[in-house]
Amino acid sequence: MMKVKLFEECGSELLEDAINDFFEKEEPMSIEKIKYQVTPWNTSDSGLLFSALVVYEKYDKDDLLQVRDQVLDDINYGIKNDENV
């Protein structure tokens, strides 16, 4: 199931830190797409608001281990049956 996470910060470094913290906390996941946007913020000042929209799918670690094991089995089976190896 795909999920969406929106980040907004007043500085690009703060946005980058927030996204990296989220990735570290939420792993494992596959990222479908990331969209960035910069908009004027606080019109009396010349500030900018940095936004990012992340579309992702979260995985259970046990499911990923099963997929990894199946992929390794498939690779090893292919190597054993390849006459050129």
N, C-alpha and C. Protein backbone atom coordinates (compact mmCIF):
# COMPACT_ATOMS: atom_id res chain seq x y z
N MET A 1 0.84 -1.18 0.00
CA MET A 1 0.00 0.00 0.00
C MET A 1 0.88 1.24 0.00
N MET A 2 0.66 2.12 -0.95
CA MET A 2 1.46 3.33 -1.07
C MET A 2 1.02 4.35 -0.01
N LYS A 3 2.00 5.08 0.49
CA LYS A 3 1.74 6.12 1.48
C LYS A 3 2.38 7.42 1.00
N VAL A 4 1.93 8.54 1.56
CA VAL A 4 2.44 9.85 1.19
C VAL A 4 2.88 10.58 2.45
N LYS A 5 4.02 11.25 2.37
CA LYS A 5 4.53 12.05 3.50
C LYS A 5 4.88 13.43 2.96
N LEU A 6 4.39 14.46 3.61
CA LEU A 6 4.68 15.84 3.21
C LEU A 6 5.60 16.48 4.24
N PHE A 7 6.65 17.12 3.76
CA PHE A 7 7.59 17.84 4.62
C PHE A 7 7.56 19.32 4.24
N GLU A 8 7.63 20.20 5.23
CA GLU A 8 7.75 21.64 4.97
C GLU A 8 8.71 22.23 6.00
N GLU A 9 9.67 22.98 5.52
CA GLU A 9 10.64 23.64 6.41
C GLU A 9 10.97 25.01 5.83
N CYS A 10 11.48 25.89 6.69
CA CYS A 10 11.82 27.24 6.25
C CYS A 10 13.21 27.31 5.63
N GLY A 11 13.97 26.22 5.67
CA GLY A 11 15.29 26.20 5.06
C GLY A 11 15.56 24.88 4.39
N SER A 12 16.35 24.88 3.35
CA SER A 12 16.60 23.65 2.60
C SER A 12 17.37 22.62 3.44
N GLU A 13 18.29 23.09 4.29
CA GLU A 13 19.04 22.15 5.13
C GLU A 13 18.12 21.48 6.16
N LEU A 14 17.17 22.24 6.71
CA LEU A 14 16.21 21.66 7.66
C LEU A 14 15.33 20.63 6.97
N LEU A 15 14.94 20.91 5.73
CA LEU A 15 14.13 19.96 4.97
C LEU A 15 14.91 18.69 4.70
N GLU A 16 16.16 18.84 4.30
CA GLU A 16 17.01 17.68 4.03
C GLU A 16 17.18 16.83 5.30
N ASP A 17 17.41 17.47 6.43
CA ASP A 17 17.56 16.74 7.70
C ASP A 17 16.27 16.00 8.06
N ALA A 18 15.12 16.66 7.88
CA ALA A 18 13.84 16.03 8.21
C ALA A 18 13.58 14.81 7.33
N ILE A 19 13.89 14.92 6.06
CA ILE A 19 13.69 13.79 5.13
C ILE A 19 14.63 12.65 5.49
N ASN A 20 15.89 12.94 5.74
CA ASN A 20 16.85 11.90 6.11
C ASN A 20 16.47 11.20 7.41
N ASP A 21 16.02 11.98 8.39
CA ASP A 21 15.56 11.38 9.65
C ASP A 21 14.38 10.45 9.42
N PHE A 22 13.46 10.86 8.57
CA PHE A 22 12.30 10.04 8.25
C PHE A 22 12.73 8.74 7.59
N PHE A 23 13.64 8.83 6.61
CA PHE A 23 14.12 7.63 5.92
C PHE A 23 14.78 6.65 6.88
N GLU A 24 15.60 7.15 7.78
CA GLU A 24 16.28 6.29 8.75
C GLU A 24 15.29 5.62 9.70
N LYS A 25 14.29 6.36 10.12
CA LYS A 25 13.31 5.84 11.07
C LYS A 25 12.34 4.86 10.42
N GLU A 26 11.97 5.09 9.18
CA GLU A 26 10.91 4.32 8.53
C GLU A 26 11.42 3.15 7.69
N GLU A 27 12.72 2.92 7.62
CA GLU A 27 13.19 1.85 6.74
C GLU A 27 12.67 0.51 7.19
N PRO A 28 12.54 -0.49 6.38
CA PRO A 28 12.80 -0.46 4.94
C PRO A 28 11.57 0.00 4.15
N MET A 29 11.84 0.67 3.05
CA MET A 29 10.77 1.18 2.19
C MET A 29 11.28 1.33 0.77
N SER A 30 10.37 1.40 -0.16
CA SER A 30 10.76 1.74 -1.52
C SER A 30 10.14 3.10 -1.83
N ILE A 31 10.93 3.97 -2.42
CA ILE A 31 10.48 5.31 -2.74
C ILE A 31 9.94 5.29 -4.16
N GLU A 32 8.70 5.68 -4.32
CA GLU A 32 8.08 5.76 -5.64
C GLU A 32 8.48 7.06 -6.33
N LYS A 33 8.35 8.18 -5.61
CA LYS A 33 8.79 9.46 -6.16
C LYS A 33 8.93 10.49 -5.05
N ILE A 34 9.73 11.51 -5.34
CA ILE A 34 9.89 12.65 -4.44
C ILE A 34 9.73 13.91 -5.28
N LYS A 35 8.87 14.81 -4.86
CA LYS A 35 8.65 16.08 -5.55
C LYS A 35 9.03 17.20 -4.60
N TYR A 36 9.79 18.18 -5.11
CA TYR A 36 10.19 19.33 -4.30
C TYR A 36 9.51 20.59 -4.82
N GLN A 37 9.30 21.53 -3.91
CA GLN A 37 8.72 22.81 -4.31
C GLN A 37 9.24 23.89 -3.37
N VAL A 38 9.51 25.05 -3.93
CA VAL A 38 9.93 26.21 -3.14
C VAL A 38 8.92 27.33 -3.38
N THR A 39 8.35 27.86 -2.31
CA THR A 39 7.35 28.92 -2.44
C THR A 39 7.70 30.08 -1.51
N PRO A 40 7.25 31.30 -1.86
CA PRO A 40 7.48 32.44 -0.96
C PRO A 40 6.79 32.18 0.38
N TRP A 41 7.43 32.60 1.43
CA TRP A 41 6.92 32.39 2.78
C TRP A 41 7.05 33.68 3.56
N ASN A 42 6.02 34.04 4.31
CA ASN A 42 6.03 35.26 5.12
C ASN A 42 6.27 36.46 4.21
N THR A 43 5.25 36.86 3.49
CA THR A 43 5.38 37.88 2.44
C THR A 43 5.98 39.19 2.93
N SER A 44 5.92 39.51 4.21
CA SER A 44 6.55 40.74 4.71
C SER A 44 8.07 40.60 4.73
N ASP A 45 8.54 39.36 4.66
CA ASP A 45 9.97 39.06 4.63
C ASP A 45 10.24 38.38 3.29
N SER A 46 11.46 38.19 2.95
CA SER A 46 11.77 37.53 1.67
C SER A 46 12.11 36.05 1.90
N GLY A 47 11.43 35.42 2.85
CA GLY A 47 11.69 34.02 3.16
C GLY A 47 11.11 33.07 2.13
N LEU A 48 11.61 31.85 2.15
CA LEU A 48 11.13 30.80 1.26
C LEU A 48 10.73 29.58 2.09
N LEU A 49 9.72 28.88 1.62
CA LEU A 49 9.29 27.65 2.25
C LEU A 49 9.64 26.49 1.33
N PHE A 50 10.41 25.53 1.84
CA PHE A 50 10.83 24.37 1.08
C PHE A 50 9.92 23.21 1.44
N SER A 51 9.31 22.61 0.41
CA SER A 51 8.37 21.50 0.63
C SER A 51 8.82 20.29 -0.18
N ALA A 52 8.51 19.12 0.35
CA ALA A 52 8.79 17.88 -0.37
C ALA A 52 7.63 16.92 -0.13
N LEU A 53 7.23 16.26 -1.18
CA LEU A 53 6.20 15.24 -1.11
C LEU A 53 6.86 13.92 -1.47
N VAL A 54 6.77 12.95 -0.58
CA VAL A 54 7.39 11.65 -0.80
C VAL A 54 6.28 10.60 -0.88
N VAL A 55 6.28 9.85 -1.98
CA VAL A 55 5.37 8.72 -2.13
C VAL A 55 6.20 7.47 -1.93
N TYR A 56 5.78 6.62 -1.00
CA TYR A 56 6.61 5.47 -0.65
C TYR A 56 5.75 4.28 -0.25
N GLU A 57 6.40 3.12 -0.21
CA GLU A 57 5.74 1.91 0.28
C GLU A 57 6.61 1.33 1.39
N LYS A 58 5.99 1.09 2.52
CA LYS A 58 6.71 0.56 3.69
C LYS A 58 6.68 -0.96 3.64
N TYR A 59 7.80 -1.57 3.99
CA TYR A 59 7.91 -3.02 3.98
C TYR A 59 8.20 -3.56 5.37
N ASP A 60 7.70 -4.74 5.62
CA ASP A 60 8.02 -5.47 6.83
C ASP A 60 9.38 -6.14 6.62
N LYS A 61 10.26 -6.08 7.60
CA LYS A 61 11.61 -6.64 7.45
C LYS A 61 11.57 -8.14 7.15
N ASP A 62 10.65 -8.87 7.78
CA ASP A 62 10.56 -10.31 7.52
C ASP A 62 10.18 -10.59 6.07
N ASP A 63 9.26 -9.79 5.53
CA ASP A 63 8.89 -9.95 4.12
C ASP A 63 10.08 -9.71 3.20
N LEU A 64 10.86 -8.68 3.53
CA LEU A 64 12.04 -8.38 2.71
C LEU A 64 13.07 -9.50 2.78
N LEU A 65 13.24 -10.09 3.95
CA LEU A 65 14.19 -11.20 4.07
C LEU A 65 13.73 -12.40 3.25
N GLN A 66 12.44 -12.65 3.20
CA GLN A 66 11.92 -13.74 2.38
C GLN A 66 12.15 -13.47 0.91
N VAL A 67 11.91 -12.23 0.48
CA VAL A 67 12.15 -11.87 -0.93
C VAL A 67 13.63 -12.01 -1.24
N ARG A 68 14.49 -11.53 -0.36
CA ARG A 68 15.93 -11.65 -0.57
C ARG A 68 16.35 -13.11 -0.70
N ASP A 69 15.85 -13.95 0.19
CA ASP A 69 16.20 -15.37 0.14
C ASP A 69 15.73 -16.02 -1.15
N GLN A 70 14.53 -15.65 -1.61
CA GLN A 70 14.01 -16.21 -2.86
C GLN A 70 14.85 -15.76 -4.05
N VAL A 71 15.24 -14.49 -4.07
CA VAL A 71 16.08 -13.97 -5.15
C VAL A 71 17.43 -14.68 -5.16
N LEU A 72 18.02 -14.87 -3.99
CA LEU A 72 19.31 -15.57 -3.92
C LEU A 72 19.17 -17.02 -4.38
N ASP A 73 18.09 -17.68 -4.00
CA ASP A 73 17.84 -19.04 -4.47
C ASP A 73 17.71 -19.09 -5.98
N ASP A 74 16.98 -18.12 -6.55
CA ASP A 74 16.81 -18.07 -8.01
C ASP A 74 18.14 -17.83 -8.72
N ILE A 75 18.95 -16.94 -8.16
CA ILE A 75 20.26 -16.65 -8.76
C ILE A 75 21.14 -17.90 -8.70
N ASN A 76 21.20 -18.52 -7.53
CA ASN A 76 22.04 -19.71 -7.37
C ASN A 76 21.56 -20.85 -8.27
N TYR A 77 20.26 -21.01 -8.43
CA TYR A 77 19.72 -22.05 -9.30
C TYR A 77 20.14 -21.78 -10.75
N GLY A 78 20.07 -20.50 -11.14
CA GLY A 78 20.48 -20.13 -12.51
C GLY A 78 21.95 -20.38 -12.75
N ILE A 79 22.80 -20.12 -11.76
CA ILE A 79 24.23 -20.33 -11.91
C ILE A 79 24.54 -21.83 -12.01
N LYS A 80 23.88 -22.62 -11.18
CA LYS A 80 24.12 -24.07 -11.21
C LYS A 80 23.71 -24.68 -12.55
N ASN A 81 22.69 -24.12 -13.19
CA ASN A 81 22.18 -24.68 -14.43
C ASN A 81 22.71 -24.00 -15.69
N ASP A 82 23.64 -23.09 -15.53
CA ASP A 82 24.22 -22.39 -16.69
C ASP A 82 25.50 -23.09 -17.09
N GLU A 83 25.53 -23.63 -18.30
CA GLU A 83 26.70 -24.35 -18.77
C GLU A 83 27.91 -23.45 -19.02
N ASN A 84 27.66 -22.14 -19.16
CA ASN A 84 28.75 -21.20 -19.46
C ASN A 84 29.46 -20.71 -18.22
N VAL A 85 28.99 -21.10 -17.05
CA VAL A 85 29.59 -20.62 -15.80
C VAL A 85 30.57 -21.65 -15.27
